[in-house]
């Protein structure tokens, strides 16, 4: 499928996807982006089937345009008691600062789409225009069911091997996530040292060279010039997340917004110590103080996330936000506080301007 056919098959005018950021994306943000001609998204990775149905309904009440919903396809957590106990003992030192104790039991707070047939049934019934996958891909038969229902499917890849696996599974297009991207890395294998940490440019060229599917570039793209750069590499379009965090329609907290316009925006790091899977965000105390040789392996995703969310809640009760998960990519210093529709309009104008300024040839 060529680039033009891909976007026309969805019914989208602009080659821009607003990333589905759980905790930041909202129905109104997705709707405003879609109404402006791009593809808005909502993240359903933290939702139950009933919550997912409600979010899809809320978005449909705000737009009659296509939008994307995103699913987490992580391996279901394995409860390793020794590993979990060691992690809890390690993190207890921070809880004690706030006169609190870590949870006695760790919960698997997010159910993987891989084992959630009820969620699949919601998607088949609601039929959003696009369903995207993160952390892997569901069984190819599930992908086929979605496509037979007229749903376009996207899968996230951080390597050529992952892209080939997604292509074999039958998805319609690949999101190439460079190491610059904010939020959780889309790596299929989250074991230590398995992330190839490929930047967006080489990853995009690898995929556009060796994969027959449309490739959507993601990671560090913040303006029209960088969109054009991705298109010049052969990408069919781009996915942008951090660029939309400061939009008034997002649900980013005041603290997250303030951090993005501060010096902290210049220091993003990738760590597994927040959630149990590698993720890029603004460096907080979990990033800065979880270094050295004696740091235990965190509990698996999303078990570790259950613990750090409890730590953040305990800290907030004491007026401290040093443990908040504030996801952001390396382009964070370029974020702009614009309404979503205005941001889309600005991006298009910048794309046109950047195209006209290319005078070397």
Protein backbone atom coordinates (compact mmCIF):
# COMPACT_ATOMS: atom_id res chain seq x y z
CA UNK A 1 0.00 0.00 0.00
CA UNK A 2 1.51 3.34 -1.01
CA UNK A 3 1.49 6.42 1.19
CA UNK A 4 -1.49 8.12 -0.45
CA UNK A 5 -3.61 4.97 -0.33
CA UNK A 6 -2.69 4.40 3.31
CA UNK A 7 -3.96 7.77 4.53
CA UNK A 8 -6.99 7.73 2.23
CA UNK A 9 -7.90 4.25 3.54
CA UNK A 10 -8.20 5.82 7.01
CA UNK A 11 -9.84 9.01 5.79
CA UNK A 12 -7.13 11.35 7.10
CA UNK A 13 -5.90 14.41 5.21
CA UNK A 14 -2.58 15.08 6.98
CA UNK A 15 0.27 12.57 7.59
CA UNK A 16 0.39 13.33 11.33
CA UNK A 17 -0.63 11.09 14.22
CA UNK A 18 -0.97 12.45 17.75
CA UNK A 19 0.57 9.74 19.91
CA UNK A 20 -1.74 7.79 22.26
CA UNK A 21 -0.24 8.79 25.62
CA UNK A 22 -1.97 7.13 28.59
CA UNK A 23 -2.36 9.74 31.31
CA UNK A 24 -2.02 12.64 28.87
CA UNK A 25 -4.21 11.92 25.86
CA UNK A 26 -7.90 12.70 26.26
CA UNK A 27 -11.00 12.37 24.07
CA UNK A 28 -11.03 16.14 23.52
CA UNK A 29 -7.35 16.18 22.49
CA UNK A 30 -7.87 13.30 20.05
CA UNK A 31 -11.02 14.91 18.68
CA UNK A 32 -9.42 18.33 18.16
CA UNK A 33 -6.49 16.74 16.32
CA UNK A 34 -8.79 14.65 14.12
CA UNK A 35 -11.07 17.61 13.43
CA UNK A 36 -7.99 19.53 12.25
CA UNK A 37 -7.24 16.87 9.61
CA UNK A 38 -4.65 14.71 11.38
CA UNK A 39 -5.20 11.46 13.32
CA UNK A 40 -5.98 11.85 17.01
CA UNK A 41 -5.39 9.00 19.43
CA UNK A 42 -6.45 7.75 22.84
CA UNK A 43 -4.47 5.27 24.91
CA UNK A 44 -6.45 2.30 26.23
CA UNK A 45 -3.57 0.33 27.70
CA UNK A 46 -4.60 1.21 31.26
CA UNK A 47 -8.34 0.77 30.65
CA UNK A 48 -10.79 -2.03 31.31
CA UNK A 49 -13.12 -3.03 28.46
CA UNK A 50 -15.93 -0.93 29.95
CA UNK A 51 -13.64 2.08 30.37
CA UNK A 52 -12.38 1.63 26.80
CA UNK A 53 -15.92 1.60 25.45
CA UNK A 54 -16.71 4.78 27.38
CA UNK A 55 -13.59 6.58 26.10
CA UNK A 56 -14.36 5.63 22.51
CA UNK A 57 -17.93 6.89 22.97
CA UNK A 58 -16.72 10.18 24.48
CA UNK A 59 -14.37 10.72 21.55
CA UNK A 60 -17.12 9.98 19.01
CA UNK A 61 -19.33 12.56 20.67
CA UNK A 62 -16.65 15.16 19.91
CA UNK A 63 -15.70 14.19 16.35
CA UNK A 64 -17.05 12.34 13.35
CA UNK A 65 -13.50 12.00 12.01
CA UNK A 66 -11.27 8.88 12.27
CA UNK A 67 -9.17 8.33 15.40
CA UNK A 68 -6.77 5.73 16.75
CA UNK A 69 -6.95 3.65 19.92
CA UNK A 70 -3.82 2.04 21.34
CA UNK A 71 -3.37 -1.29 23.09
CA UNK A 72 -0.52 -2.57 25.30
CA UNK A 73 0.69 -5.98 24.14
CA UNK A 74 3.26 -6.66 26.86
CA UNK A 75 3.99 -10.12 28.15
CA UNK A 76 1.76 -10.70 31.20
CA UNK A 77 3.78 -10.14 34.36
CA UNK A 78 5.45 -13.08 36.06
CA UNK A 79 5.19 -12.92 39.84
CA UNK A 80 8.74 -13.64 41.02
CA UNK A 81 8.38 -13.36 44.79
CA UNK A 82 12.10 -13.03 45.47
CA UNK A 83 12.51 -10.33 42.82
CA UNK A 84 9.42 -8.49 44.04
CA UNK A 85 10.45 -8.63 47.71
CA UNK A 86 13.94 -7.37 46.86
CA UNK A 87 12.46 -4.50 44.86
CA UNK A 88 10.06 -3.56 47.65
CA UNK A 89 12.86 -3.60 50.20
CA UNK A 90 14.97 -1.35 47.99
CA UNK A 91 12.23 1.20 47.32
CA UNK A 92 11.05 1.29 50.97
CA UNK A 93 13.70 3.91 51.80
CA UNK A 94 11.80 6.51 49.77
CA UNK A 95 8.43 5.60 51.27
CA UNK A 96 9.90 6.16 54.73
CA UNK A 97 10.68 9.78 53.82
CA UNK A 98 6.92 10.37 53.68
CA UNK A 99 5.95 8.30 56.73
CA UNK A 100 4.55 5.59 54.47
CA UNK A 101 5.25 1.96 53.65
CA UNK A 102 5.34 0.21 50.26
CA UNK A 103 2.36 -2.00 49.32
CA UNK A 104 2.36 -5.39 51.00
CA UNK A 105 1.23 -6.96 47.75
CA UNK A 106 2.04 -5.83 44.21
CA UNK A 107 -0.83 -5.74 41.73
CA UNK A 108 -0.84 -6.25 37.98
CA UNK A 109 -2.62 -2.97 37.36
CA UNK A 110 -2.78 -3.22 33.55
CA UNK A 111 -4.02 -6.32 31.75
CA UNK A 112 -2.17 -7.12 28.54
CA UNK A 113 -4.23 -7.07 25.36
CA UNK A 114 -2.57 -10.40 24.53
CA UNK A 115 -4.91 -12.15 26.96
CA UNK A 116 -7.89 -9.79 26.92
CA UNK A 117 -10.47 -11.23 24.55
CA UNK A 118 -13.12 -9.01 26.14
CA UNK A 119 -11.17 -5.94 24.99
CA UNK A 120 -10.95 -7.35 21.48
CA UNK A 121 -14.72 -7.78 21.46
CA UNK A 122 -15.13 -4.12 22.43
CA UNK A 123 -12.91 -3.06 19.53
CA UNK A 124 -14.78 -5.29 17.08
CA UNK A 125 -18.10 -3.85 18.27
CA UNK A 126 -17.02 -0.19 18.35
CA UNK A 127 -14.84 -0.33 15.23
CA UNK A 128 -12.56 2.67 15.69
CA UNK A 129 -10.85 3.61 12.43
CA UNK A 130 -7.40 2.59 13.69
CA UNK A 131 -6.09 0.24 16.39
CA UNK A 132 -2.39 0.39 17.24
CA UNK A 133 -0.20 -1.96 19.28
CA UNK A 134 2.68 -1.23 21.66
CA UNK A 135 5.20 -3.65 23.22
CA UNK A 136 4.50 -6.31 20.60
CA UNK A 137 1.60 -7.69 18.63
CA UNK A 138 -1.40 -9.87 19.42
CA UNK A 139 -1.98 -13.21 17.77
CA UNK A 140 -2.21 -12.83 13.97
CA UNK A 141 -5.77 -14.20 14.10
CA UNK A 142 -6.76 -11.21 16.27
CA UNK A 143 -5.09 -8.82 13.82
CA UNK A 144 -7.04 -10.51 11.03
CA UNK A 145 -10.32 -10.12 12.93
CA UNK A 146 -9.68 -6.41 13.37
CA UNK A 147 -8.82 -5.94 9.73
CA UNK A 148 -11.86 -7.95 8.61
CA UNK A 149 -13.94 -5.50 10.65
CA UNK A 150 -12.54 -2.67 8.52
CA UNK A 151 -10.06 -1.45 11.15
CA UNK A 152 -6.59 -0.28 10.09
CA UNK A 153 -3.86 -1.71 12.35
CA UNK A 154 -0.50 -0.22 13.33
CA UNK A 155 2.36 -1.85 15.21
CA UNK A 156 5.31 -0.17 16.94
CA UNK A 157 8.85 -1.35 16.17
CA UNK A 158 12.23 -0.28 17.54
CA UNK A 159 14.27 -2.62 15.30
CA UNK A 160 14.05 -4.15 11.84
CA UNK A 161 13.44 -7.57 13.42
CA UNK A 162 10.42 -6.28 15.32
CA UNK A 163 9.09 -4.65 12.17
CA UNK A 164 9.44 -7.93 10.30
CA UNK A 165 7.50 -9.69 13.06
CA UNK A 166 4.74 -7.10 12.82
CA UNK A 167 4.63 -7.40 9.05
CA UNK A 168 4.31 -11.18 9.37
CA UNK A 169 1.49 -10.71 11.89
CA UNK A 170 -0.47 -8.80 9.26
CA UNK A 171 -0.54 -5.18 10.45
CA UNK A 172 -1.17 -2.43 7.90
CA UNK A 173 1.67 -0.08 8.87
CA UNK A 174 4.66 0.23 11.20
CA UNK A 175 5.39 2.98 13.71
CA UNK A 176 9.19 3.30 13.82
CA UNK A 177 9.97 4.46 17.36
CA UNK A 178 13.39 6.05 17.64
CA UNK A 179 15.30 6.16 20.90
CA UNK A 180 14.51 9.89 21.11
CA UNK A 181 10.83 9.20 21.80
CA UNK A 182 9.20 9.90 25.12
CA UNK A 183 7.24 7.40 27.14
CA UNK A 184 7.59 3.65 27.10
CA UNK A 185 9.95 2.10 24.63
CA UNK A 186 8.07 -0.23 22.30
CA UNK A 187 10.67 -2.99 22.62
CA UNK A 188 9.21 -6.47 22.44
CA UNK A 189 11.85 -7.93 24.76
CA UNK A 190 12.24 -5.71 27.82
CA UNK A 191 15.09 -7.73 29.37
CA UNK A 192 18.13 -5.65 30.38
CA UNK A 193 20.46 -4.73 27.52
CA UNK A 194 18.05 -5.95 24.81
CA UNK A 195 17.10 -2.47 23.59
CA UNK A 196 19.17 -1.63 20.50
CA UNK A 197 18.59 2.09 21.19
CA UNK A 198 18.36 2.97 17.50
CA UNK A 199 17.87 6.63 16.66
CA UNK A 200 14.95 7.63 14.45
CA UNK A 201 16.94 8.36 11.27
CA UNK A 202 18.73 5.00 10.91
CA UNK A 203 15.68 3.09 12.11
CA UNK A 204 13.39 4.81 9.64
CA UNK A 205 15.75 4.18 6.72
CA UNK A 206 16.19 0.53 7.70
CA UNK A 207 12.45 0.01 7.74
CA UNK A 208 11.64 1.98 4.60
CA UNK A 209 14.37 0.02 2.80
CA UNK A 210 13.48 -3.47 3.99
CA UNK A 211 9.77 -3.36 4.93
CA UNK A 212 7.04 -3.18 2.29
CA UNK A 213 4.51 -1.53 4.63
CA UNK A 214 4.07 2.21 5.21
CA UNK A 215 6.37 3.47 7.99
CA UNK A 216 5.34 6.15 10.50
CA UNK A 217 8.34 7.92 12.07
CA UNK A 218 8.19 8.67 15.81
CA UNK A 219 10.70 10.18 18.21
CA UNK A 220 11.88 13.76 18.69
CA UNK A 221 9.63 15.21 15.97
CA UNK A 222 8.41 18.59 17.19
CA UNK A 223 7.89 20.88 14.21
CA UNK A 224 7.20 21.03 10.49
CA UNK A 225 10.85 20.91 9.49
CA UNK A 226 11.37 17.63 11.34
CA UNK A 227 8.19 16.22 9.79
CA UNK A 228 9.63 17.01 6.35
CA UNK A 229 12.91 15.36 7.35
CA UNK A 230 11.08 12.16 8.26
CA UNK A 231 9.14 12.23 4.99
CA UNK A 232 12.40 12.72 3.09
CA UNK A 233 13.68 9.50 4.70
CA UNK A 234 10.78 7.66 3.12
CA UNK A 235 8.32 7.72 6.03
CA UNK A 236 4.64 7.83 5.12
CA UNK A 237 3.99 10.14 8.06
CA UNK A 238 4.91 10.91 11.63
CA UNK A 239 3.66 10.26 15.15
CA UNK A 240 4.16 13.06 17.68
CA UNK A 241 3.61 12.82 21.42
CA UNK A 242 5.65 15.30 23.45
CA UNK A 243 4.62 18.06 21.03
CA UNK A 244 1.03 17.75 22.30
CA UNK A 245 1.62 17.57 26.07
CA UNK A 246 1.33 21.34 26.58
CA UNK A 247 -1.91 21.57 24.60
CA UNK A 248 -4.71 22.75 26.91
CA UNK A 249 -6.75 19.71 25.82
CA UNK A 250 -4.25 17.25 27.31
CA UNK A 251 -4.59 15.96 30.87
CA UNK A 252 -0.97 16.67 31.79
CA UNK A 253 -0.69 17.84 35.38
CA UNK A 254 0.34 21.42 36.23
CA UNK A 255 3.65 20.01 37.53
CA UNK A 256 4.30 18.15 34.27
CA UNK A 257 3.54 21.30 32.26
CA UNK A 258 5.79 23.43 34.45
CA UNK A 259 8.64 20.94 34.10
CA UNK A 260 8.36 20.98 30.31
CA UNK A 261 8.99 24.71 30.20
CA UNK A 262 11.84 24.55 32.73
CA UNK A 263 15.48 23.53 32.53
CA UNK A 264 14.38 19.97 33.35
CA UNK A 265 13.09 19.61 29.79
CA UNK A 266 16.71 19.43 28.63
CA UNK A 267 17.36 16.27 30.66
CA UNK A 268 15.33 13.25 29.66
CA UNK A 269 16.49 9.74 30.43
CA UNK A 270 15.43 6.16 29.84
CA UNK A 271 14.97 3.88 32.84
CA UNK A 272 13.04 0.76 33.85
CA UNK A 273 12.87 1.84 37.49
CA UNK A 274 9.61 3.73 37.13
CA UNK A 275 7.38 1.06 35.61
CA UNK A 276 9.41 -2.09 35.07
CA UNK A 277 9.88 -1.40 31.34
CA UNK A 278 12.29 1.10 29.77
CA UNK A 279 10.67 4.51 29.33
CA UNK A 280 11.95 8.01 28.60
CA UNK A 281 10.87 10.86 30.82
CA UNK A 282 11.98 13.96 32.66
CA UNK A 283 14.59 12.84 35.17
CA UNK A 284 13.11 12.54 38.66
CA UNK A 285 14.58 11.02 41.80
CA UNK A 286 13.90 7.48 40.63
CA UNK A 287 16.05 8.21 37.57
CA UNK A 288 18.75 10.12 39.39
CA UNK A 289 19.11 7.94 42.48
CA UNK A 290 18.70 4.50 40.88
CA UNK A 291 22.27 4.23 39.63
CA UNK A 292 25.27 2.10 40.50
CA UNK A 293 26.04 -1.60 40.70
CA UNK A 294 23.89 -2.50 43.71
CA UNK A 295 20.49 -1.59 42.27
CA UNK A 296 18.15 -4.61 42.13
CA UNK A 297 16.20 -5.52 39.03
CA UNK A 298 12.76 -3.94 39.39
CA UNK A 299 9.60 -6.00 39.51
CA UNK A 300 8.21 -6.73 36.06
CA UNK A 301 5.90 -4.34 34.22
CA UNK A 302 3.35 -3.29 35.36
CA UNK A 303 4.06 -4.59 38.88
CA UNK A 304 6.84 -2.06 39.49
CA UNK A 305 4.54 0.70 38.23
CA UNK A 306 2.00 -0.18 40.92
CA UNK A 307 4.68 0.44 43.55
CA UNK A 308 6.03 3.71 42.12
CA UNK A 309 2.50 5.06 41.68
CA UNK A 310 1.95 4.37 45.38
CA UNK A 311 5.25 6.13 46.15
CA UNK A 312 4.22 9.16 44.09
CA UNK A 313 0.85 9.28 45.88
CA UNK A 314 2.55 9.18 49.28
CA UNK A 315 4.96 11.94 48.24
CA UNK A 316 2.17 14.16 46.89
CA UNK A 317 0.39 13.97 50.24
CA UNK A 318 3.48 15.66 51.67
CA UNK A 319 3.64 18.23 48.88
CA UNK A 320 6.45 16.50 46.97
CA UNK A 321 6.32 15.74 43.23
CA UNK A 322 9.85 14.36 42.90
CA UNK A 323 8.60 10.87 42.00
CA UNK A 324 6.03 11.72 39.33
CA UNK A 325 6.27 9.87 36.02
CA UNK A 326 6.52 12.77 33.59
CA UNK A 327 7.08 11.16 30.21
CA UNK A 328 8.74 13.27 27.52
CA UNK A 329 11.03 12.81 24.55
CA UNK A 330 14.34 14.43 23.69
CA UNK A 331 12.51 17.18 21.82
CA UNK A 332 10.88 18.37 25.05
CA UNK A 333 12.53 21.83 25.05
CA UNK A 334 10.73 22.51 21.75
CA UNK A 335 7.23 21.87 23.13
CA UNK A 336 4.72 24.67 22.58
CA UNK A 337 1.64 25.56 24.61
CA UNK A 338 -0.83 25.81 21.74
CA UNK A 339 -4.39 24.51 21.35
CA UNK A 340 -4.29 21.25 19.41
CA UNK A 341 -5.98 22.61 16.29
CA UNK A 342 -3.65 25.61 16.23
CA UNK A 343 -0.65 23.35 16.66
CA UNK A 344 -1.71 21.24 13.68
CA UNK A 345 -2.18 24.39 11.59
CA UNK A 346 1.25 25.64 12.67
CA UNK A 347 2.90 22.33 11.79
CA UNK A 348 1.43 22.43 8.29
CA UNK A 349 2.61 26.02 7.79
CA UNK A 350 6.09 25.04 8.99
CA UNK A 351 6.17 22.10 6.59
CA UNK A 352 5.40 24.41 3.69
CA UNK A 353 7.96 26.97 4.82
CA UNK A 354 10.68 24.38 5.30
CA UNK A 355 10.03 22.93 1.85
CA UNK A 356 10.50 26.34 0.23
CA UNK A 357 13.78 26.97 2.10
CA UNK A 358 15.56 23.95 0.58
CA UNK A 359 17.79 25.70 -1.99
CA UNK A 360 20.97 23.63 -2.20
CA UNK A 361 19.96 21.58 -5.25
